[in-house]
């Protein structure tokens, strides 16, 4: 999915509203997963430092 998103971004063409929405949702899903992982790691690190 990430590769497909990168390829679409590199095409340098005007996207339809539906295509932009799909790209946006895909981006939010990828970034959201990374953000959630980062929050978990930060929380664990903070708990370890508090001990």
C-alpha atoms as a PDB file:
ATOM      1  CA  UNK A   1       0.000   0.000   0.000  1.00  0.00           C
ATOM      2  CA  UNK A   2       2.799   2.397   0.877  1.00  0.00           C
ATOM      3  CA  UNK A   3       4.522   1.747  -2.449  1.00  0.00           C
ATOM      4  CA  UNK A   4       1.272   2.379  -4.305  1.00  0.00           C
ATOM      5  CA  UNK A   5       0.826   5.673  -2.439  1.00  0.00           C
ATOM      6  CA  UNK A   6       4.384   6.721  -3.312  1.00  0.00           C
ATOM      7  CA  UNK A   7       3.841   5.865  -6.984  1.00  0.00           C
ATOM      8  CA  UNK A   8       0.639   7.914  -7.142  1.00  0.00           C
ATOM      9  CA  UNK A   9       2.373  10.875  -5.517  1.00  0.00           C
ATOM     10  CA  UNK A  10       5.190  10.702  -8.087  1.00  0.00           C
ATOM     11  CA  UNK A  11       2.833  10.698 -11.093  1.00  0.00           C
ATOM     12  CA  UNK A  12       2.503  14.481 -10.968  1.00  0.00           C
ATOM     13  CA  UNK A  13      -1.064  14.428 -12.323  1.00  0.00           C
ATOM     14  CA  UNK A  14      -4.278  15.968 -11.065  1.00  0.00           C
ATOM     15  CA  UNK A  15      -6.174  13.502  -8.867  1.00  0.00           C
ATOM     16  CA  UNK A  16      -9.947  13.241  -8.714  1.00  0.00           C
ATOM     17  CA  UNK A  17     -11.715  13.976  -5.447  1.00  0.00           C
ATOM     18  CA  UNK A  18     -12.216  10.249  -4.851  1.00  0.00           C
ATOM     19  CA  UNK A  19      -8.549   9.498  -5.536  1.00  0.00           C
ATOM     20  CA  UNK A  20      -7.435  12.264  -3.169  1.00  0.00           C
ATOM     21  CA  UNK A  21      -9.745  10.924  -0.477  1.00  0.00           C
ATOM     22  CA  UNK A  22      -8.399   7.385  -0.902  1.00  0.00           C
ATOM     23  CA  UNK A  23      -4.820   8.651  -0.790  1.00  0.00           C
ATOM     24  CA  UNK A  24      -5.616  10.660   2.326  1.00  0.00           C
ATOM     25  CA  UNK A  25      -7.199   7.693   4.090  1.00  0.00           C
ATOM     26  CA  UNK A  26      -4.265   5.464   3.168  1.00  0.00           C
ATOM     27  CA  UNK A  27      -1.794   8.045   4.449  1.00  0.00           C
ATOM     28  CA  UNK A  28      -3.714   8.498   7.699  1.00  0.00           C
ATOM     29  CA  UNK A  29      -3.769   4.731   8.245  1.00  0.00           C
ATOM     30  CA  UNK A  30      -0.012   4.396   7.767  1.00  0.00           C
ATOM     31  CA  UNK A  31       0.843   7.429   9.877  1.00  0.00           C
ATOM     32  CA  UNK A  32      -1.704   6.490  12.545  1.00  0.00           C
ATOM     33  CA  UNK A  33      -0.148   3.065  13.005  1.00  0.00           C
ATOM     34  CA  UNK A  34       3.314   4.580  13.375  1.00  0.00           C
ATOM     35  CA  UNK A  35       2.013   7.212  15.784  1.00  0.00           C
ATOM     36  CA  UNK A  36       0.327   4.579  17.947  1.00  0.00           C
ATOM     37  CA  UNK A  37       3.530   2.537  18.078  1.00  0.00           C
ATOM     38  CA  UNK A  38       5.517   5.617  19.033  1.00  0.00           C
ATOM     39  CA  UNK A  39       3.066   6.453  21.835  1.00  0.00           C
ATOM     40  CA  UNK A  40       3.330   2.928  23.242  1.00  0.00           C
ATOM     41  CA  UNK A  41       7.124   3.032  23.186  1.00  0.00           C
ATOM     42  CA  UNK A  42       7.176   6.488  24.760  1.00  0.00           C
ATOM     43  CA  UNK A  43       4.800   5.355  27.484  1.00  0.00           C
ATOM     44  CA  UNK A  44       6.939   2.316  28.300  1.00  0.00           C
ATOM     45  CA  UNK A  45      10.073   4.456  28.335  1.00  0.00           C
ATOM     46  CA  UNK A  46       8.436   6.996  30.645  1.00  0.00           C
ATOM     47  CA  UNK A  47       7.328   4.250  33.056  1.00  0.00           C
ATOM     48  CA  UNK A  48      10.850   2.816  33.128  1.00  0.00           C
ATOM     49  CA  UNK A  49      12.350   6.230  33.871  1.00  0.00           C
ATOM     50  CA  UNK A  50       9.853   6.789  36.695  1.00  0.00           C
ATOM     51  CA  UNK A  51      11.005   3.699  38.587  1.00  0.00           C
END
